[in-house]
Amino acid sequence: MDTIVSINSFVPESRADVELMFHESMRVLRRGGRLVALLPSFEMSLIARDKWKMQVRLDLEDHREWETSGWQCFYTETDIHELMRKNRLPGYRLGRVNTIARPRRLG
């Protein structure tokens, strides 16, 4: 494959499964291919709990959040850096996506 685009797809129940999913993605990418992944932020789970006082069930050790279907792995920047290091991928870019909609004037 030339490119893999993943939007909130690397959210298995266990960190070991994250490793397997990532490894398989790297296996099917051609040399020079790209993986573009949007990953759910564990930091947003903490903000939801602490700032917005939402009732959120969290696993602080493994950075997981309980959803209606069970536990799902979320990510901190450190989690991502460690995943890249383990897979010997130093040439990656990490950035944040702002998903807060801002009103725009039309016309």
N, C-alpha and C. Protein backbone atom coordinates (compact mmCIF):
# COMPACT_ATOMS: atom_id res chain seq x y z
N MET A 1 0.84 -1.18 0.00
CA MET A 1 0.00 0.00 0.00
C MET A 1 0.88 1.24 0.00
N ASP A 2 0.40 2.28 -0.66
CA ASP A 2 1.12 3.54 -0.68
C ASP A 2 0.82 4.38 0.56
N THR A 3 -0.46 4.39 0.98
CA THR A 3 -0.88 5.22 2.09
C THR A 3 -1.95 4.50 2.90
N ILE A 4 -1.84 4.62 4.21
CA ILE A 4 -2.88 4.14 5.12
C ILE A 4 -3.37 5.35 5.89
N VAL A 5 -4.67 5.56 5.90
CA VAL A 5 -5.27 6.63 6.69
C VAL A 5 -6.12 5.96 7.77
N SER A 6 -5.84 6.29 9.00
CA SER A 6 -6.53 5.70 10.14
C SER A 6 -7.11 6.82 10.99
N ILE A 7 -8.42 6.82 11.14
CA ILE A 7 -9.09 7.82 11.98
C ILE A 7 -9.74 7.09 13.14
N ASN A 8 -9.15 7.26 14.32
CA ASN A 8 -9.62 6.61 15.54
C ASN A 8 -9.81 5.11 15.37
N SER A 9 -8.90 4.47 14.65
CA SER A 9 -9.00 3.03 14.42
C SER A 9 -8.06 2.22 15.31
N PHE A 10 -7.00 2.82 15.80
CA PHE A 10 -6.07 2.11 16.67
C PHE A 10 -6.54 2.23 18.13
N VAL A 11 -7.71 1.68 18.42
CA VAL A 11 -8.28 1.79 19.77
C VAL A 11 -8.67 0.41 20.34
N PRO A 12 -7.76 -0.55 20.28
CA PRO A 12 -8.10 -1.86 20.83
C PRO A 12 -8.17 -1.82 22.35
N GLU A 13 -8.53 -2.93 22.93
CA GLU A 13 -8.68 -3.01 24.38
C GLU A 13 -7.33 -3.00 25.10
N SER A 14 -6.30 -3.58 24.49
CA SER A 14 -5.02 -3.70 25.19
C SER A 14 -3.88 -3.03 24.42
N ARG A 15 -2.86 -2.60 25.17
CA ARG A 15 -1.67 -1.99 24.56
C ARG A 15 -0.95 -3.00 23.68
N ALA A 16 -0.97 -4.28 24.05
CA ALA A 16 -0.31 -5.30 23.21
C ALA A 16 -0.95 -5.34 21.83
N ASP A 17 -2.26 -5.15 21.76
CA ASP A 17 -2.95 -5.14 20.47
C ASP A 17 -2.60 -3.89 19.66
N VAL A 18 -2.33 -2.78 20.34
CA VAL A 18 -1.86 -1.58 19.63
C VAL A 18 -0.58 -1.92 18.88
N GLU A 19 0.33 -2.58 19.56
CA GLU A 19 1.60 -2.96 18.94
C GLU A 19 1.38 -3.83 17.71
N LEU A 20 0.49 -4.82 17.83
CA LEU A 20 0.21 -5.71 16.70
C LEU A 20 -0.41 -4.97 15.51
N MET A 21 -1.36 -4.07 15.80
CA MET A 21 -2.02 -3.32 14.74
C MET A 21 -1.03 -2.40 14.02
N PHE A 22 -0.19 -1.75 14.80
CA PHE A 22 0.79 -0.85 14.21
C PHE A 22 1.80 -1.64 13.38
N HIS A 23 2.27 -2.76 13.92
CA HIS A 23 3.22 -3.60 13.20
C HIS A 23 2.64 -4.07 11.86
N GLU A 24 1.38 -4.48 11.85
CA GLU A 24 0.74 -4.93 10.61
C GLU A 24 0.62 -3.79 9.61
N SER A 25 0.33 -2.60 10.08
CA SER A 25 0.26 -1.44 9.18
C SER A 25 1.61 -1.19 8.52
N MET A 26 2.67 -1.28 9.30
CA MET A 26 4.01 -1.08 8.76
C MET A 26 4.37 -2.20 7.78
N ARG A 27 3.90 -3.40 8.03
CA ARG A 27 4.21 -4.54 7.16
C ARG A 27 3.62 -4.35 5.76
N VAL A 28 2.39 -3.81 5.68
CA VAL A 28 1.73 -3.71 4.38
C VAL A 28 2.06 -2.43 3.62
N LEU A 29 2.71 -1.47 4.28
CA LEU A 29 3.12 -0.25 3.58
C LEU A 29 4.35 -0.51 2.73
N ARG A 30 4.35 0.03 1.54
CA ARG A 30 5.53 -0.09 0.70
C ARG A 30 6.62 0.81 1.27
N ARG A 31 7.84 0.57 0.88
CA ARG A 31 8.96 1.43 1.31
C ARG A 31 8.66 2.86 0.85
N GLY A 32 8.75 3.81 1.74
CA GLY A 32 8.44 5.19 1.42
C GLY A 32 6.96 5.53 1.53
N GLY A 33 6.13 4.53 1.91
CA GLY A 33 4.69 4.77 2.08
C GLY A 33 4.42 5.61 3.32
N ARG A 34 3.18 6.03 3.46
CA ARG A 34 2.80 6.90 4.58
C ARG A 34 1.66 6.31 5.38
N LEU A 35 1.78 6.46 6.69
CA LEU A 35 0.70 6.16 7.62
C LEU A 35 0.25 7.49 8.21
N VAL A 36 -1.00 7.84 7.99
CA VAL A 36 -1.58 9.04 8.58
C VAL A 36 -2.60 8.56 9.59
N ALA A 37 -2.34 8.83 10.86
CA ALA A 37 -3.21 8.31 11.91
C ALA A 37 -3.69 9.44 12.82
N LEU A 38 -4.99 9.53 12.99
CA LEU A 38 -5.59 10.41 13.99
C LEU A 38 -5.93 9.52 15.17
N LEU A 39 -5.33 9.83 16.31
CA LEU A 39 -5.47 8.99 17.50
C LEU A 39 -6.20 9.74 18.59
N PRO A 40 -7.10 9.06 19.31
CA PRO A 40 -7.82 9.75 20.39
C PRO A 40 -6.86 10.10 21.53
N SER A 41 -7.00 11.31 22.03
CA SER A 41 -6.10 11.84 23.04
C SER A 41 -6.57 11.47 24.45
N PHE A 42 -5.68 10.84 25.20
CA PHE A 42 -5.99 10.52 26.59
C PHE A 42 -6.08 11.81 27.41
N GLU A 43 -5.33 12.82 27.02
CA GLU A 43 -5.38 14.10 27.72
C GLU A 43 -6.78 14.71 27.68
N MET A 44 -7.51 14.50 26.56
CA MET A 44 -8.89 15.01 26.47
C MET A 44 -9.80 14.26 27.45
N SER A 45 -9.53 12.99 27.69
CA SER A 45 -10.29 12.24 28.68
C SER A 45 -10.09 12.85 30.07
N LEU A 46 -8.84 13.23 30.36
CA LEU A 46 -8.56 13.85 31.66
C LEU A 46 -9.23 15.22 31.78
N ILE A 47 -9.23 15.98 30.69
CA ILE A 47 -9.91 17.28 30.70
C ILE A 47 -11.41 17.09 30.91
N ALA A 48 -11.98 16.12 30.22
CA ALA A 48 -13.42 15.85 30.38
C ALA A 48 -13.74 15.53 31.83
N ARG A 49 -12.89 14.74 32.47
CA ARG A 49 -13.11 14.36 33.86
C ARG A 49 -12.86 15.52 34.81
N ASP A 50 -11.73 16.21 34.66
CA ASP A 50 -11.30 17.19 35.65
C ASP A 50 -11.89 18.58 35.44
N LYS A 51 -11.95 19.03 34.21
CA LYS A 51 -12.42 20.39 33.95
C LYS A 51 -13.93 20.44 33.72
N TRP A 52 -14.42 19.49 32.94
CA TRP A 52 -15.85 19.51 32.60
C TRP A 52 -16.69 18.67 33.53
N LYS A 53 -16.03 17.98 34.50
CA LYS A 53 -16.71 17.16 35.53
C LYS A 53 -17.58 16.06 34.93
N MET A 54 -17.15 15.52 33.81
CA MET A 54 -17.88 14.41 33.20
C MET A 54 -17.53 13.11 33.94
N GLN A 55 -18.48 12.23 34.02
CA GLN A 55 -18.25 10.92 34.62
C GLN A 55 -17.58 10.03 33.57
N VAL A 56 -16.27 9.91 33.67
CA VAL A 56 -15.49 9.15 32.71
C VAL A 56 -14.74 8.07 33.47
N ARG A 57 -14.85 6.84 33.02
CA ARG A 57 -14.13 5.74 33.65
C ARG A 57 -12.79 5.57 32.93
N LEU A 58 -11.69 5.77 33.67
CA LEU A 58 -10.36 5.77 33.07
C LEU A 58 -9.45 4.75 33.72
N ASP A 59 -8.56 4.22 32.92
CA ASP A 59 -7.46 3.38 33.37
C ASP A 59 -6.21 4.25 33.23
N LEU A 60 -5.77 4.85 34.34
CA LEU A 60 -4.67 5.81 34.28
C LEU A 60 -3.33 5.16 33.94
N GLU A 61 -3.16 3.90 34.28
CA GLU A 61 -1.90 3.22 34.02
C GLU A 61 -1.70 2.91 32.53
N ASP A 62 -2.74 2.40 31.89
CA ASP A 62 -2.62 2.00 30.48
C ASP A 62 -3.23 3.01 29.51
N HIS A 63 -3.66 4.16 30.02
CA HIS A 63 -4.24 5.23 29.18
C HIS A 63 -5.40 4.70 28.35
N ARG A 64 -6.38 4.16 29.04
CA ARG A 64 -7.57 3.63 28.38
C ARG A 64 -8.81 4.30 28.95
N GLU A 65 -9.85 4.34 28.12
CA GLU A 65 -11.15 4.88 28.54
C GLU A 65 -12.21 3.82 28.28
N TRP A 66 -13.14 3.73 29.21
CA TRP A 66 -14.25 2.79 29.06
C TRP A 66 -15.30 3.41 28.17
N GLU A 67 -15.62 2.74 27.10
CA GLU A 67 -16.67 3.17 26.17
C GLU A 67 -17.79 2.14 26.25
N THR A 68 -18.85 2.36 25.53
CA THR A 68 -20.00 1.44 25.58
C THR A 68 -19.64 0.03 25.13
N SER A 69 -18.60 -0.12 24.31
CA SER A 69 -18.19 -1.43 23.82
C SER A 69 -17.07 -2.06 24.65
N GLY A 70 -16.57 -1.35 25.65
CA GLY A 70 -15.48 -1.86 26.49
C GLY A 70 -14.33 -0.87 26.56
N TRP A 71 -13.19 -1.35 27.03
CA TRP A 71 -12.01 -0.49 27.13
C TRP A 71 -11.44 -0.18 25.76
N GLN A 72 -10.96 1.05 25.59
CA GLN A 72 -10.29 1.47 24.36
C GLN A 72 -9.03 2.22 24.72
N CYS A 73 -7.93 1.90 24.03
CA CYS A 73 -6.66 2.58 24.25
C CYS A 73 -6.71 3.98 23.64
N PHE A 74 -6.34 4.96 24.45
CA PHE A 74 -6.18 6.32 23.99
C PHE A 74 -4.69 6.64 24.10
N TYR A 75 -4.26 7.84 23.69
CA TYR A 75 -2.83 8.10 23.55
C TYR A 75 -2.41 9.44 24.15
N THR A 76 -1.22 9.41 24.75
CA THR A 76 -0.52 10.65 25.12
C THR A 76 0.61 10.82 24.10
N GLU A 77 1.22 11.99 24.09
CA GLU A 77 2.36 12.19 23.19
C GLU A 77 3.47 11.20 23.52
N THR A 78 3.67 10.92 24.80
CA THR A 78 4.70 9.96 25.21
C THR A 78 4.40 8.57 24.67
N ASP A 79 3.13 8.16 24.69
CA ASP A 79 2.75 6.86 24.13
C ASP A 79 3.14 6.78 22.65
N ILE A 80 2.89 7.84 21.92
CA ILE A 80 3.19 7.86 20.48
C ILE A 80 4.69 7.83 20.24
N HIS A 81 5.44 8.64 20.99
CA HIS A 81 6.90 8.64 20.84
C HIS A 81 7.47 7.25 21.13
N GLU A 82 6.95 6.59 22.16
CA GLU A 82 7.43 5.25 22.51
C GLU A 82 7.09 4.24 21.41
N LEU A 83 5.90 4.34 20.86
CA LEU A 83 5.50 3.45 19.77
C LEU A 83 6.43 3.62 18.56
N MET A 84 6.77 4.85 18.23
CA MET A 84 7.67 5.12 17.11
C MET A 84 9.08 4.61 17.41
N ARG A 85 9.54 4.79 18.64
CA ARG A 85 10.87 4.32 19.03
C ARG A 85 10.96 2.80 18.93
N LYS A 86 9.96 2.11 19.46
CA LYS A 86 9.95 0.64 19.43
C LYS A 86 9.98 0.10 18.00
N ASN A 87 9.38 0.83 17.08
CA ASN A 87 9.32 0.38 15.69
C ASN A 87 10.40 1.01 14.82
N ARG A 88 11.35 1.67 15.45
CA ARG A 88 12.50 2.27 14.77
C ARG A 88 12.07 3.19 13.62
N LEU A 89 11.18 4.11 13.94
CA LEU A 89 10.67 5.07 12.95
C LEU A 89 10.96 6.49 13.43
N PRO A 90 12.19 6.96 13.26
CA PRO A 90 12.54 8.28 13.77
C PRO A 90 11.99 9.44 12.93
N GLY A 91 11.63 9.20 11.67
CA GLY A 91 11.23 10.30 10.78
C GLY A 91 9.72 10.54 10.76
N TYR A 92 9.10 10.66 11.90
CA TYR A 92 7.66 10.89 11.94
C TYR A 92 7.37 12.31 12.41
N ARG A 93 6.17 12.76 12.10
CA ARG A 93 5.72 14.07 12.58
C ARG A 93 4.53 13.87 13.48
N LEU A 94 4.49 14.62 14.55
CA LEU A 94 3.41 14.55 15.53
C LEU A 94 2.81 15.93 15.67
N GLY A 95 1.52 16.02 15.55
CA GLY A 95 0.85 17.31 15.71
C GLY A 95 -0.55 17.12 16.27
N ARG A 96 -1.13 18.19 16.68
CA ARG A 96 -2.48 18.16 17.24
C ARG A 96 -3.47 18.68 16.20
N VAL A 97 -4.65 18.10 16.22
CA VAL A 97 -5.74 18.54 15.36
C VAL A 97 -6.74 19.26 16.24
N ASN A 98 -7.04 20.49 15.88
CA ASN A 98 -8.02 21.27 16.63
C ASN A 98 -9.40 20.95 16.07
N THR A 99 -10.24 20.35 16.88
CA THR A 99 -11.56 19.95 16.40
C THR A 99 -12.67 20.85 16.94
N ILE A 100 -12.31 21.97 17.52
CA ILE A 100 -13.32 22.89 18.03
C ILE A 100 -13.79 23.77 16.87
N ALA A 101 -15.08 23.68 16.58
CA ALA A 101 -15.64 24.46 15.47
C ALA A 101 -15.74 25.92 15.88
N ARG A 102 -15.36 26.79 14.97
CA ARG A 102 -15.47 28.23 15.20
C ARG A 102 -16.47 28.79 14.20
N PRO A 103 -17.35 29.66 14.65
CA PRO A 103 -18.31 30.25 13.71
C PRO A 103 -17.59 31.06 12.65
N ARG A 104 -18.11 31.02 11.45
CA ARG A 104 -17.51 31.73 10.32
C ARG A 104 -18.57 32.57 9.64
N ARG A 105 -18.20 33.75 9.26
CA ARG A 105 -19.13 34.62 8.52
C ARG A 105 -19.19 34.15 7.09
N LEU A 106 -20.38 34.02 6.61
CA LEU A 106 -20.57 33.65 5.22
C LEU A 106 -20.83 34.90 4.41
N GLY A 107 -20.28 34.92 3.18
CA GLY A 107 -20.58 36.02 2.28
C GLY A 107 -19.71 37.18 2.35
